[in-house]
PDB file of N, CA and C in Angstrom:
ATOM      1  N   MET A   1    -135.627  15.070-113.627  1.00  0.00           N
ATOM      2  CA  MET A   1    -134.199  15.830-113.381  1.00  0.00           C
ATOM      3  C   MET A   1    -134.307  16.202-115.124  1.00  0.00           C
ATOM      4  N   ARG A   2    -134.335  17.325-115.295  1.00  0.00           N
ATOM      5  CA  ARG A   2    -134.386  17.870-116.491  1.00  0.00           C
ATOM      6  C   ARG A   2    -133.014  17.632-117.289  1.00  0.00           C
ATOM      7  N   PRO A   3    -133.030  17.603-119.069  1.00  0.00           N
ATOM      8  CA  PRO A   3    -131.810  17.483-119.527  1.00  0.00           C
ATOM      9  C   PRO A   3    -130.960  17.892-119.345  1.00  0.00           C
ATOM     10  N   HIS A   4    -131.045  19.771-119.050  1.00  0.00           N
ATOM     11  CA  HIS A   4    -129.511  20.045-119.002  1.00  0.00           C
ATOM     12  C   HIS A   4    -128.947  19.590-117.619  1.00  0.00           C
ATOM     13  N   SER A   5    -130.010  19.696-116.513  1.00  0.00           N
ATOM     14  CA  SER A   5    -129.385  18.875-115.246  1.00  0.00           C
ATOM     15  C   SER A   5    -128.503  17.722-115.585  1.00  0.00           C
ATOM     16  N   LYS A   6    -128.814  16.777-116.263  1.00  0.00           N
ATOM     17  CA  LYS A   6    -128.365  15.342-116.543  1.00  0.00           C
ATOM     18  C   LYS A   6    -127.205  15.607-117.121  1.00  0.00           C
ATOM     19  N   MET A   7    -127.036  17.025-118.209  1.00  0.00           N
ATOM     20  CA  MET A   7    -125.585  16.998-119.040  1.00  0.00           C
ATOM     21  C   MET A   7    -124.837  17.766-118.148  1.00  0.00           C
ATOM     22  N   LEU A   8    -125.351  18.425-117.095  1.00  0.00           N
ATOM     23  CA  LEU A   8    -124.438  19.303-116.183  1.00  0.00           C
ATOM     24  C   LEU A   8    -123.911  18.311-115.290  1.00  0.00           C
ATOM     25  N   GLU A   9    -124.588  17.605-115.060  1.00  0.00           N
ATOM     26  CA  GLU A   9    -123.644  16.353-113.954  1.00  0.00           C
ATOM     27  C   GLU A   9    -122.742  15.486-114.582  1.00  0.00           C
ATOM     28  N   GLN A  10    -123.411  15.139-116.101  1.00  0.00           N
ATOM     29  CA  GLN A  10    -122.143  14.368-116.539  1.00  0.00           C
ATOM     30  C   GLN A  10    -120.896  14.982-117.122  1.00  0.00           C
ATOM     31  N   VAL A  11    -120.704  16.536-117.020  1.00  0.00           N
ATOM     32  CA  VAL A  11    -119.717  17.462-117.224  1.00  0.00           C
ATOM     33  C   VAL A  11    -118.828  17.131-115.840  1.00  0.00           C
ATOM     34  N   ALA A  12    -119.867  17.549-114.970  1.00  0.00           N
ATOM     35  CA  ALA A  12    -118.950  17.418-113.382  1.00  0.00           C
ATOM     36  C   ALA A  12    -118.321  16.100-113.446  1.00  0.00           C
ATOM     37  N   ARG A  13    -118.667  15.556-113.349  1.00  0.00           N
ATOM     38  CA  ARG A  13    -118.474  14.005-113.133  1.00  0.00           C
ATOM     39  C   ARG A  13    -117.256  13.868-114.136  1.00  0.00           C
ATOM     40  N   ASN A  14    -117.456  13.896-115.437  1.00  0.00           N
ATOM     41  CA  ASN A  14    -115.814  14.069-115.999  1.00  0.00           C
ATOM     42  C   ASN A  14    -114.842  15.169-115.607  1.00  0.00           C
ATOM     43  N   ILE A  15    -114.956  16.055-115.453  1.00  0.00           N
ATOM     44  CA  ILE A  15    -114.060  17.114-114.985  1.00  0.00           C
ATOM     45  C   ILE A  15    -113.456  16.228-113.577  1.00  0.00           C
ATOM     46  N   ARG A  16    -114.122  15.658-112.528  1.00  0.00           N
ATOM     47  CA  ARG A  16    -113.724  15.349-111.511  1.00  0.00           C
ATOM     48  C   ARG A  16    -113.006  14.130-111.889  1.00  0.00           C
ATOM     49  N   TYR A  17    -113.487  13.175-112.713  1.00  0.00           N
ATOM     50  CA  TYR A  17    -112.602  12.159-112.977  1.00  0.00           C
ATOM     51  C   TYR A  17    -111.322  12.311-113.629  1.00  0.00           C
ATOM     52  N   LEU A  18    -111.298  13.423-114.921  1.00  0.00           N
ATOM     53  CA  LEU A  18    -109.901  14.003-115.373  1.00  0.00           C
ATOM     54  C   LEU A  18    -108.923  14.452-114.287  1.00  0.00           C
ATOM     55  N   ARG A  19    -109.502  15.197-113.105  1.00  0.00           N
ATOM     56  CA  ARG A  19    -108.539  15.461-111.985  1.00  0.00           C
ATOM     57  C   ARG A  19    -108.037  14.526-111.131  1.00  0.00           C
ATOM     58  N   SER A  20    -108.942  13.686-111.181  1.00  0.00           N
ATOM     59  CA  SER A  20    -108.595  12.298-110.253  1.00  0.00           C
ATOM     60  C   SER A  20    -107.393  11.728-110.988  1.00  0.00           C
ATOM     61  N   GLN A  21    -107.454  11.428-112.210  1.00  0.00           N
ATOM     62  CA  GLN A  21    -106.394  10.750-113.010  1.00  0.00           C
ATOM     63  C   GLN A  21    -104.802  11.585-113.164  1.00  0.00           C
ATOM     64  N   THR A  22    -105.196  12.665-112.986  1.00  0.00           N
ATOM     65  CA  THR A  22    -103.737  13.435-113.134  1.00  0.00           C
ATOM     66  C   THR A  22    -103.325  13.802-111.755  1.00  0.00           C
ATOM     67  N   SER A  23    -103.899  13.652-110.826  1.00  0.00           N
ATOM     68  CA  SER A  23    -103.573  13.933-109.299  1.00  0.00           C
ATOM     69  C   SER A  23    -103.195  15.243-109.270  1.00  0.00           C
ATOM     70  N   PHE A  24    -103.880  16.178-109.717  1.00  0.00           N
ATOM     71  CA  PHE A  24    -103.806  17.601-109.509  1.00  0.00           C
ATOM     72  C   PHE A  24    -104.626  18.032-108.207  1.00  0.00           C
ATOM     73  N   LEU A  25    -104.366  18.922-107.657  1.00  0.00           N
ATOM     74  CA  LEU A  25    -105.483  19.079-106.452  1.00  0.00           C
ATOM     75  C   LEU A  25    -106.367  20.821-107.237  1.00  0.00           C
ATOM     76  N   GLN A  26    -107.405  20.658-106.780  1.00  0.00           N
ATOM     77  CA  GLN A  26    -107.887  21.257-107.392  1.00  0.00           C
ATOM     78  C   GLN A  26    -107.482  22.910-107.652  1.00  0.00           C
ATOM     79  N   SER A  27    -106.913  23.513-106.490  1.00  0.00           N
ATOM     80  CA  SER A  27    -106.367  24.797-106.396  1.00  0.00           C
ATOM     81  C   SER A  27    -105.342  25.045-107.892  1.00  0.00           C
ATOM     82  N   GLU A  28    -104.593  23.737-107.668  1.00  0.00           N
ATOM     83  CA  GLU A  28    -103.414  23.766-109.063  1.00  0.00           C
ATOM     84  C   GLU A  28    -104.005  23.809-110.658  1.00  0.00           C
ATOM     85  N   VAL A  29    -105.184  23.110-110.734  1.00  0.00           N
ATOM     86  CA  VAL A  29    -106.235  23.373-111.931  1.00  0.00           C
ATOM     87  C   VAL A  29    -106.393  24.655-112.306  1.00  0.00           C
ATOM     88  N   ALA A  30    -106.989  25.187-111.010  1.00  0.00           N
ATOM     89  CA  ALA A  30    -107.847  26.630-110.754  1.00  0.00           C
ATOM     90  C   ALA A  30    -106.882  27.450-110.966  1.00  0.00           C
ATOM     91  N   GLU A  31    -105.575  27.539-110.543  1.00  0.00           N
ATOM     92  CA  GLU A  31    -104.602  28.580-111.066  1.00  0.00           C
ATOM     93  C   GLU A  31    -104.037  28.429-112.424  1.00  0.00           C
ATOM     94  N   THR A  32    -103.743  27.401-112.949  1.00  0.00           N
ATOM     95  CA  THR A  32    -103.555  27.229-114.085  1.00  0.00           C
ATOM     96  C   THR A  32    -104.700  27.758-115.066  1.00  0.00           C
ATOM     97  N   LEU A  33    -105.919  27.745-114.935  1.00  0.00           N
ATOM     98  CA  LEU A  33    -107.157  27.919-115.792  1.00  0.00           C
ATOM     99  C   LEU A  33    -107.382  29.358-115.465  1.00  0.00           C
ATOM    100  N   GLY A  34    -106.659  30.101-114.420  1.00  0.00           N
ATOM    101  CA  GLY A  34    -106.990  31.261-114.063  1.00  0.00           C
ATOM    102  C   GLY A  34    -108.635  31.810-113.638  1.00  0.00           C
ATOM    103  N   VAL A  35    -108.789  30.774-112.936  1.00  0.00           N
ATOM    104  CA  VAL A  35    -110.187  30.853-112.429  1.00  0.00           C
ATOM    105  C   VAL A  35    -109.992  30.847-110.733  1.00  0.00           C
ATOM    106  N   ASP A  36    -111.013  30.688-110.014  1.00  0.00           N
ATOM    107  CA  ASP A  36    -110.866  30.710-108.608  1.00  0.00           C
ATOM    108  C   ASP A  36    -111.540  29.235-108.172  1.00  0.00           C
ATOM    109  N   LYS A  37    -110.416  28.555-107.179  1.00  0.00           N
ATOM    110  CA  LYS A  37    -110.801  27.498-106.621  1.00  0.00           C
ATOM    111  C   LYS A  37    -112.100  27.205-106.564  1.00  0.00           C
ATOM    112  N   SER A  38    -113.006  28.024-105.862  1.00  0.00           N
ATOM    113  CA  SER A  38    -114.512  27.795-105.374  1.00  0.00           C
ATOM    114  C   SER A  38    -115.071  27.974-106.912  1.00  0.00           C
ATOM    115  N   THR A  39    -114.822  28.164-107.937  1.00  0.00           N
ATOM    116  CA  THR A  39    -115.430  28.159-109.576  1.00  0.00           C
ATOM    117  C   THR A  39    -115.029  26.743-109.646  1.00  0.00           C
ATOM    118  N   LEU A  40    -113.763  26.366-109.872  1.00  0.00           N
ATOM    119  CA  LEU A  40    -113.615  24.841-110.271  1.00  0.00           C
ATOM    120  C   LEU A  40    -114.559  24.126-109.635  1.00  0.00           C
ATOM    121  N   SER A  41    -114.659  24.172-108.287  1.00  0.00           N
ATOM    122  CA  SER A  41    -115.233  23.260-107.340  1.00  0.00           C
ATOM    123  C   SER A  41    -116.668  23.200-107.490  1.00  0.00           C
ATOM    124  N   ARG A  42    -117.418  24.322-108.125  1.00  0.00           N
ATOM    125  CA  ARG A  42    -118.794  24.468-108.456  1.00  0.00           C
ATOM    126  C   ARG A  42    -119.020  23.735-109.859  1.00  0.00           C
ATOM    127  N   TRP A  43    -117.972  23.785-110.731  1.00  0.00           N
ATOM    128  CA  TRP A  43    -118.368  22.902-111.848  1.00  0.00           C
ATOM    129  C   TRP A  43    -118.105  21.721-111.631  1.00  0.00           C
ATOM    130  N   GLU A  44    -117.157  21.116-110.453  1.00  0.00           N
ATOM    131  CA  GLU A  44    -117.312  19.883-110.450  1.00  0.00           C
ATOM    132  C   GLU A  44    -118.415  18.968-109.717  1.00  0.00           C
ATOM    133  N   SER A  45    -118.891  19.763-109.117  1.00  0.00           N
ATOM    134  CA  SER A  45    -120.082  19.649-108.129  1.00  0.00           C
ATOM    135  C   SER A  45    -121.408  19.580-108.774  1.00  0.00           C
ATOM    136  N   ALA A  46    -121.537  20.163-110.057  1.00  0.00           N
ATOM    137  CA  ALA A  46    -122.504  20.511-110.805  1.00  0.00           C
ATOM    138  C   ALA A  46    -123.382  21.763-110.367  1.00  0.00           C
ATOM    139  N   ASP A  47    -123.242  22.345-109.812  1.00  0.00           N
ATOM    140  CA  ASP A  47    -123.617  23.813-108.907  1.00  0.00           C
ATOM    141  C   ASP A  47    -123.766  24.837-110.208  1.00  0.00           C
ATOM    142  N   THR A  48    -122.534  24.952-111.093  1.00  0.00           N
ATOM    143  CA  THR A  48    -122.925  25.970-111.938  1.00  0.00           C
ATOM    144  C   THR A  48    -122.240  24.849-113.448  1.00  0.00           C
ATOM    145  N   ASP A  49    -122.719  25.886-114.055  1.00  0.00           N
ATOM    146  CA  ASP A  49    -122.129  25.328-115.971  1.00  0.00           C
ATOM    147  C   ASP A  49    -120.734  26.019-115.814  1.00  0.00           C
ATOM    148  N   PRO A  50    -119.635  25.217-116.703  1.00  0.00           N
ATOM    149  CA  PRO A  50    -118.462  26.286-116.905  1.00  0.00           C
ATOM    150  C   PRO A  50    -118.628  26.774-118.342  1.00  0.00           C
ATOM    151  N   GLY A  51    -120.081  26.672-118.979  1.00  0.00           N
ATOM    152  CA  GLY A  51    -120.197  27.432-120.068  1.00  0.00           C
ATOM    153  C   GLY A  51    -118.890  27.448-121.281  1.00  0.00           C
ATOM    154  N   VAL A  52    -119.304  27.975-121.830  1.00  0.00           N
ATOM    155  CA  VAL A  52    -118.129  27.677-123.010  1.00  0.00           C
ATOM    156  C   VAL A  52    -116.881  27.835-123.066  1.00  0.00           C
ATOM    157  N   ALA A  53    -116.477  28.965-122.375  1.00  0.00           N
ATOM    158  CA  ALA A  53    -114.811  29.288-122.130  1.00  0.00           C
ATOM    159  C   ALA A  53    -114.420  28.287-120.920  1.00  0.00           C
ATOM    160  N   GLY A  54    -115.070  28.023-120.305  1.00  0.00           N
ATOM    161  CA  GLY A  54    -114.565  26.787-118.851  1.00  0.00           C
ATOM    162  C   GLY A  54    -114.345  25.441-119.926  1.00  0.00           C
ATOM    163  N   LEU A  55    -114.984  25.000-120.570  1.00  0.00           N
ATOM    164  CA  LEU A  55    -115.504  23.630-121.242  1.00  0.00           C
ATOM    165  C   LEU A  55    -113.760  23.671-122.080  1.00  0.00           C
ATOM    166  N   ALA A  56    -114.195  24.927-122.583  1.00  0.00           N
ATOM    167  CA  ALA A  56    -112.311  25.128-123.848  1.00  0.00           C
ATOM    168  C   ALA A  56    -111.090  25.295-122.950  1.00  0.00           C
ATOM    169  N   MET A  57    -111.219  25.620-121.921  1.00  0.00           N
ATOM    170  CA  MET A  57    -110.036  25.794-121.171  1.00  0.00           C
ATOM    171  C   MET A  57    -109.598  24.277-120.254  1.00  0.00           C
ATOM    172  N   LEU A  58    -110.929  23.872-119.956  1.00  0.00           N
ATOM    173  CA  LEU A  58    -110.824  22.046-119.347  1.00  0.00           C
ATOM    174  C   LEU A  58    -110.328  21.322-120.417  1.00  0.00           C
ATOM    175  N   ALA A  59    -110.635  21.600-121.472  1.00  0.00           N
ATOM    176  CA  ALA A  59    -110.338  20.462-122.751  1.00  0.00           C
ATOM    177  C   ALA A  59    -108.797  20.554-123.212  1.00  0.00           C
ATOM    178  N   ARG A  60    -108.777  21.744-123.112  1.00  0.00           N
ATOM    179  CA  ARG A  60    -107.376  22.315-123.659  1.00  0.00           C
ATOM    180  C   ARG A  60    -105.955  21.661-122.416  1.00  0.00           C
ATOM    181  N   PHE A  61    -106.398  22.019-121.405  1.00  0.00           N
ATOM    182  CA  PHE A  61    -105.674  21.544-120.022  1.00  0.00           C
ATOM    183  C   PHE A  61    -105.538  19.764-119.767  1.00  0.00           C
ATOM    184  N   TYR A  62    -106.479  19.333-120.191  1.00  0.00           N
ATOM    185  CA  TYR A  62    -106.434  18.106-119.899  1.00  0.00           C
ATOM    186  C   TYR A  62    -106.294  17.009-121.113  1.00  0.00           C
ATOM    187  N   ASP A  63    -106.274  17.974-122.216  1.00  0.00           N
ATOM    188  CA  ASP A  63    -105.779  17.467-123.720  1.00  0.00           C
ATOM    189  C   ASP A  63    -107.174  16.382-124.280  1.00  0.00           C
ATOM    190  N   VAL A  64    -108.237  16.814-124.198  1.00  0.00           N
ATOM    191  CA  VAL A  64    -109.512  16.156-124.399  1.00  0.00           C
ATOM    192  C   VAL A  64    -110.299  16.928-125.211  1.00  0.00           C
ATOM    193  N   SER A  65    -111.044  16.171-125.515  1.00  0.00           N
ATOM    194  CA  SER A  65    -112.132  17.153-126.864  1.00  0.00           C
ATOM    195  C   SER A  65    -112.998  17.769-125.670  1.00  0.00           C
ATOM    196  N   ILE A  66    -113.963  18.925-126.245  1.00  0.00           N
ATOM    197  CA  ILE A  66    -115.110  19.329-125.675  1.00  0.00           C
ATOM    198  C   ILE A  66    -116.066  18.220-125.606  1.00  0.00           C
ATOM    199  N   ASP A  67    -116.261  17.449-126.546  1.00  0.00           N
ATOM    200  CA  ASP A  67    -117.261  16.385-126.672  1.00  0.00           C
ATOM    201  C   ASP A  67    -116.733  15.340-125.676  1.00  0.00           C
ATOM    202  N   ASP A  68    -115.606  14.951-125.663  1.00  0.00           N
ATOM    203  CA  ASP A  68    -115.576  14.291-124.534  1.00  0.00           C
ATOM    204  C   ASP A  68    -116.013  14.635-123.213  1.00  0.00           C
ATOM    205  N   LEU A  69    -115.756  16.121-122.651  1.00  0.00           N
ATOM    206  CA  LEU A  69    -116.081  16.495-121.560  1.00  0.00           C
ATOM    207  C   LEU A  69    -117.857  16.339-121.368  1.00  0.00           C
ATOM    208  N   ILE A  70    -118.044  16.722-122.505  1.00  0.00           N
ATOM    209  CA  ILE A  70    -119.554  16.728-121.847  1.00  0.00           C
ATOM    210  C   ILE A  70    -120.245  15.666-122.535  1.00  0.00           C
ATOM    211  N   TYR A  71    -120.214  14.584-123.363  1.00  0.00           N
ATOM    212  CA  TYR A  71    -120.816  13.239-123.474  1.00  0.00           C
ATOM    213  C   TYR A  71    -120.126  12.005-123.416  1.00  0.00           C
ATOM    214  N   GLY A  72    -118.735  12.171-123.513  1.00  0.00           N
ATOM    215  CA  GLY A  72    -117.913  10.928-123.640  1.00  0.00           C
ATOM    216  C   GLY A  72    -117.391  10.534-121.987  1.00  0.00           C
ATOM    217  N   GLU A  73    -116.275   9.537-121.930  1.00  0.00           N
ATOM    218  CA  GLU A  73    -115.874   8.887-121.257  1.00  0.00           C
ATOM    219  C   GLU A  73    -114.222   9.366-121.266  1.00  0.00           C
ATOM    220  N   PRO A  74    -113.838  10.526-120.699  1.00  0.00           N
ATOM    221  CA  PRO A  74    -112.686  11.051-121.489  1.00  0.00           C
ATOM    222  C   PRO A  74    -111.242  10.139-121.185  1.00  0.00           C
ATOM    223  N   LYS A  75    -110.619  10.246-121.929  1.00  0.00           N
ATOM    224  CA  LYS A  75    -109.001   9.806-121.531  1.00  0.00           C
ATOM    225  C   LYS A  75    -108.061  10.850-121.661  1.00  0.00           C
ATOM    226  N   VAL A  76    -107.487  11.075-120.281  1.00  0.00           N
ATOM    227  CA  VAL A  76    -106.563  12.165-120.031  1.00  0.00           C
ATOM    228  C   VAL A  76    -105.302  12.042-121.261  1.00  0.00           C
ATOM    229  N   GLY A  77    -105.192  12.868-121.843  1.00  0.00           N
ATOM    230  CA  GLY A  77    -104.109  13.084-123.059  1.00  0.00           C
ATOM    231  C   GLY A  77    -102.800  13.020-122.630  1.00  0.00           C
ATOM    232  N   GLN A  78    -101.716  12.901-123.332  1.00  0.00           N
ATOM    233  CA  GLN A  78    -100.503  12.620-122.706  1.00  0.00           C
ATOM    234  C   GLN A  78     -99.721  13.902-122.169  1.00  0.00           C
ATOM    235  N   ASP A  79    -100.141  14.734-122.896  1.00  0.00           N
ATOM    236  CA  ASP A  79     -99.311  16.137-122.481  1.00  0.00           C
ATOM    237  C   ASP A  79    -100.136  16.859-121.571  1.00  0.00           C
ATOM    238  N   PHE A  80    -100.086  17.083-120.011  1.00  0.00           N
ATOM    239  CA  PHE A  80    -100.693  17.611-119.342  1.00  0.00           C
ATOM    240  C   PHE A  80    -100.664  18.715-119.565  1.00  0.00           C
ATOM    241  N   ASN A  81     -99.556  19.253-119.982  1.00  0.00           N
ATOM    242  CA  ASN A  81     -99.032  20.818-119.843  1.00  0.00           C
ATOM    243  C   ASN A  81     -99.442  21.628-121.089  1.00  0.00           C
ATOM    244  N   ALA A  82    -100.549  20.855-122.095  1.00  0.00           N
ATOM    245  CA  ALA A  82    -100.745  21.473-123.072  1.00  0.00           C
ATOM    246  C   ALA A  82    -101.235  22.818-123.352  1.00  0.00           C
ATOM    247  N   ILE A  83    -101.672  23.080-122.081  1.00  0.00           N
ATOM    248  CA  ILE A  83    -102.090  24.678-122.174  1.00  0.00           C
ATOM    249  C   ILE A  83    -100.747  25.823-122.007  1.00  0.00           C
ATOM    250  N   ASP A  84     -99.912  25.457-121.600  1.00  0.00           N
ATOM    251  CA  ASP A  84     -98.772  26.326-121.069  1.00  0.00           C
ATOM    252  C   ASP A  84     -97.701  26.159-122.608  1.00  0.00           C
ATOM    253  N   ASP A  85     -97.691  25.042-123.395  1.00  0.00           N
ATOM    254  CA  ASP A  85     -97.110  24.523-124.812  1.00  0.00           C
ATOM    255  C   ASP A  85     -97.620  25.133-125.930  1.00  0.00           C
ATOM    256  N   ASP A  86     -99.224  25.509-125.816  1.00  0.00           N
ATOM    257  CA  ASP A  86    -100.091  25.777-126.836  1.00  0.00           C
ATOM    258  C   ASP A  86    -100.542  27.108-126.483  1.00  0.00           C
ATOM    259  N   PRO A  87    -100.356  27.973-126.817  1.00  0.00           N
ATOM    260  CA  PRO A  87    -101.214  29.030-126.458  1.00  0.00           C
ATOM    261  C   PRO A  87    -102.755  29.378-126.615  1.00  0.00           C
ATOM    262  N   VAL A  88    -103.453  29.892-126.146  1.00  0.00           N
ATOM    263  CA  VAL A  88    -105.010  29.759-126.249  1.00  0.00           C
ATOM    264  C   VAL A  88    -105.148  30.899-127.233  1.00  0.00           C
ATOM    265  N   ASP A  89    -105.979  30.840-128.318  1.00  0.00           N
ATOM    266  CA  ASP A  89    -106.287  31.962-129.196  1.00  0.00           C
ATOM    267  C   ASP A  89    -107.014  32.776-128.253  1.00  0.00           C
ATOM    268  N   GLU A  90    -106.325  33.898-127.535  1.00  0.00           N
ATOM    269  CA  GLU A  90    -107.312  34.831-127.197  1.00  0.00           C
ATOM    270  C   GLU A  90    -108.807  35.481-127.715  1.00  0.00           C
ATOM    271  N   ASP A  91    -108.112  35.683-128.981  1.00  0.00           N
ATOM    272  CA  ASP A  91    -109.726  36.072-129.603  1.00  0.00           C
ATOM    273  C   ASP A  91    -110.828  35.408-129.333  1.00  0.00           C
ATOM    274  N   ALA A  92    -110.589  33.885-129.490  1.00  0.00           N
ATOM    275  CA  ALA A  92    -111.522  32.697-129.314  1.00  0.00           C
ATOM    276  C   ALA A  92    -111.941  32.804-127.885  1.00  0.00           C
ATOM    277  N   LEU A  93    -110.694  33.013-126.990  1.00  0.00           N
ATOM    278  CA  LEU A  93    -111.290  32.805-125.744  1.00  0.00           C
ATOM    279  C   LEU A  93    -112.149  33.533-125.217  1.00  0.00           C
ATOM    280  N   ASN A  94    -111.872  35.136-125.633  1.00  0.00           N
ATOM    281  CA  ASN A  94    -112.510  36.425-125.466  1.00  0.00           C
ATOM    282  C   ASN A  94    -114.324  35.991-125.893  1.00  0.00           C
ATOM    283  N   ALA A  95    -114.105  35.626-127.489  1.00  0.00           N
ATOM    284  CA  ALA A  95    -115.503  35.681-127.809  1.00  0.00           C
ATOM    285  C   ALA A  95    -116.423  34.529-127.270  1.00  0.00           C
ATOM    286  N   ALA A  96    -115.577  33.424-126.744  1.00  0.00           N
ATOM    287  CA  ALA A  96    -116.376  32.511-125.829  1.00  0.00           C
ATOM    288  C   ALA A  96    -116.821  33.116-124.477  1.00  0.00           C
ATOM    289  N   ARG A  97    -115.897  33.941-123.643  1.00  0.00           N
ATOM    290  CA  ARG A  97    -116.437  34.776-122.749  1.00  0.00           C
ATOM    291  C   ARG A  97    -117.424  35.450-122.738  1.00  0.00           C
ATOM    292  N   GLU A  98    -117.607  36.281-123.904  1.00  0.00           N
ATOM    293  CA  GLU A  98    -118.694  37.151-124.102  1.00  0.00           C
ATOM    294  C   GLU A  98    -119.863  36.346-124.411  1.00  0.00           C
ATOM    295  N   TYR A  99    -119.913  35.171-124.744  1.00  0.00           N
ATOM    296  CA  TYR A  99    -120.756  34.330-125.424  1.00  0.00           C
ATOM    297  C   TYR A  99    -121.723  33.753-124.237  1.00  0.00           C
ATOM    298  N   ASP A 100    -120.709  33.465-123.174  1.00  0.00           N
ATOM    299  CA  ASP A 100    -121.022  32.918-121.859  1.00  0.00           C
ATOM    300  C   ASP A 100    -122.014  34.392-121.138  1.00  0.00           C
ATOM    301  N   ALA A 101    -121.511  35.577-120.854  1.00  0.00           N
ATOM    302  CA  ALA A 101    -121.996  36.579-120.494  1.00  0.00           C
ATOM    303  C   ALA A 101    -123.100  36.870-121.033  1.00  0.00           C
ATOM    304  N   LEU A 102    -123.107  36.617-122.552  1.00  0.00           N
ATOM    305  CA  LEU A 102    -124.754  37.250-123.177  1.00  0.00           C
ATOM    306  C   LEU A 102    -125.738  36.067-122.618  1.00  0.00           C
ATOM    307  N   ARG A 103    -125.377  34.645-122.650  1.00  0.00           N
ATOM    308  CA  ARG A 103    -126.238  33.793-122.164  1.00  0.00           C
ATOM    309  C   ARG A 103    -126.588  34.075-120.767  1.00  0.00           C
ATOM    310  N   ALA A 104    -125.617  34.417-119.871  1.00  0.00           N
ATOM    311  CA  ALA A 104    -126.120  34.599-118.677  1.00  0.00           C
ATOM    312  C   ALA A 104    -126.734  35.608-118.364  1.00  0.00           C
ATOM    313  N   GLN A 105    -126.702  36.724-118.872  1.00  0.00           N
ATOM    314  CA  GLN A 105    -127.597  37.936-118.858  1.00  0.00           C
ATOM    315  C   GLN A 105    -129.180  37.664-119.674  1.00  0.00           C
ATOM    316  N   GLN A 106    -129.079  36.521-120.913  1.00  0.00           N
ATOM    317  CA  GLN A 106    -130.662  36.338-121.023  1.00  0.00           C
ATOM    318  C   GLN A 106    -131.218  35.515-120.316  1.00  0.00           C
ATOM    319  N   ASN A 107    -130.370  34.535-119.521  1.00  0.00           N
ATOM    320  CA  ASN A 107    -130.983  33.820-118.574  1.00  0.00           C
ATOM    321  C   ASN A 107    -131.558  34.535-117.376  1.00  0.00           C
ATOM    322  N   LYS A 108    -131.042  35.520-117.093  1.00  0.00           N
ATOM    323  CA  LYS A 108    -131.695  36.532-115.910  1.00  0.00           C
ATOM    324  C   LYS A 108    -132.653  37.152-116.443  1.00  0.00           C
ATOM    325  N   GLU A 109    -132.763  37.531-117.621  1.00  0.00           N
ATOM    326  CA  GLU A 109    -134.040  38.187-118.184  1.00  0.00           C
ATOM    327  C   GLU A 109    -135.471  37.334-118.486  1.00  0.00           C
ATOM    328  N   THR A 110    -135.180  36.117-118.691  1.00  0.00           N
ATOM    329  CA  THR A 110    -136.022  35.011-118.682  1.00  0.00           C
ATOM    330  C   THR A 110    -136.704  34.573-117.287  1.00  0.00           C
ATOM    331  N   ILE A 111    -136.003  35.060-116.296  1.00  0.00           N
ATOM    332  CA  ILE A 111    -136.302  34.380-115.013  1.00  0.00           C
ATOM    333  C   ILE A 111    -137.265  35.380-114.372  1.00  0.00           C
TER     334      ILE A 111
END
């Protein structure tokens, strides 16, 4: 297994764990994050990488750090609605999405 695959599996495991600890349905999390349920499902099954923007949204939603999502054993924060209480910096989110799009384009060019 490649190192990237191991990391992707760890991220997927942590995303599944966090959702199980909050009793949210995939559809509820996906709707709150503004992604398709199938996208969240692919993140949870390690079929696709959530990218920088996805990690940022997930970390904010579950009130954990991005490091916890990637490397650690996250513990759900106290405020599950943090994403609603503290608006996401749209410029930062757009920059993260642009970065993800650029990375995806570069990956296509190298294949």
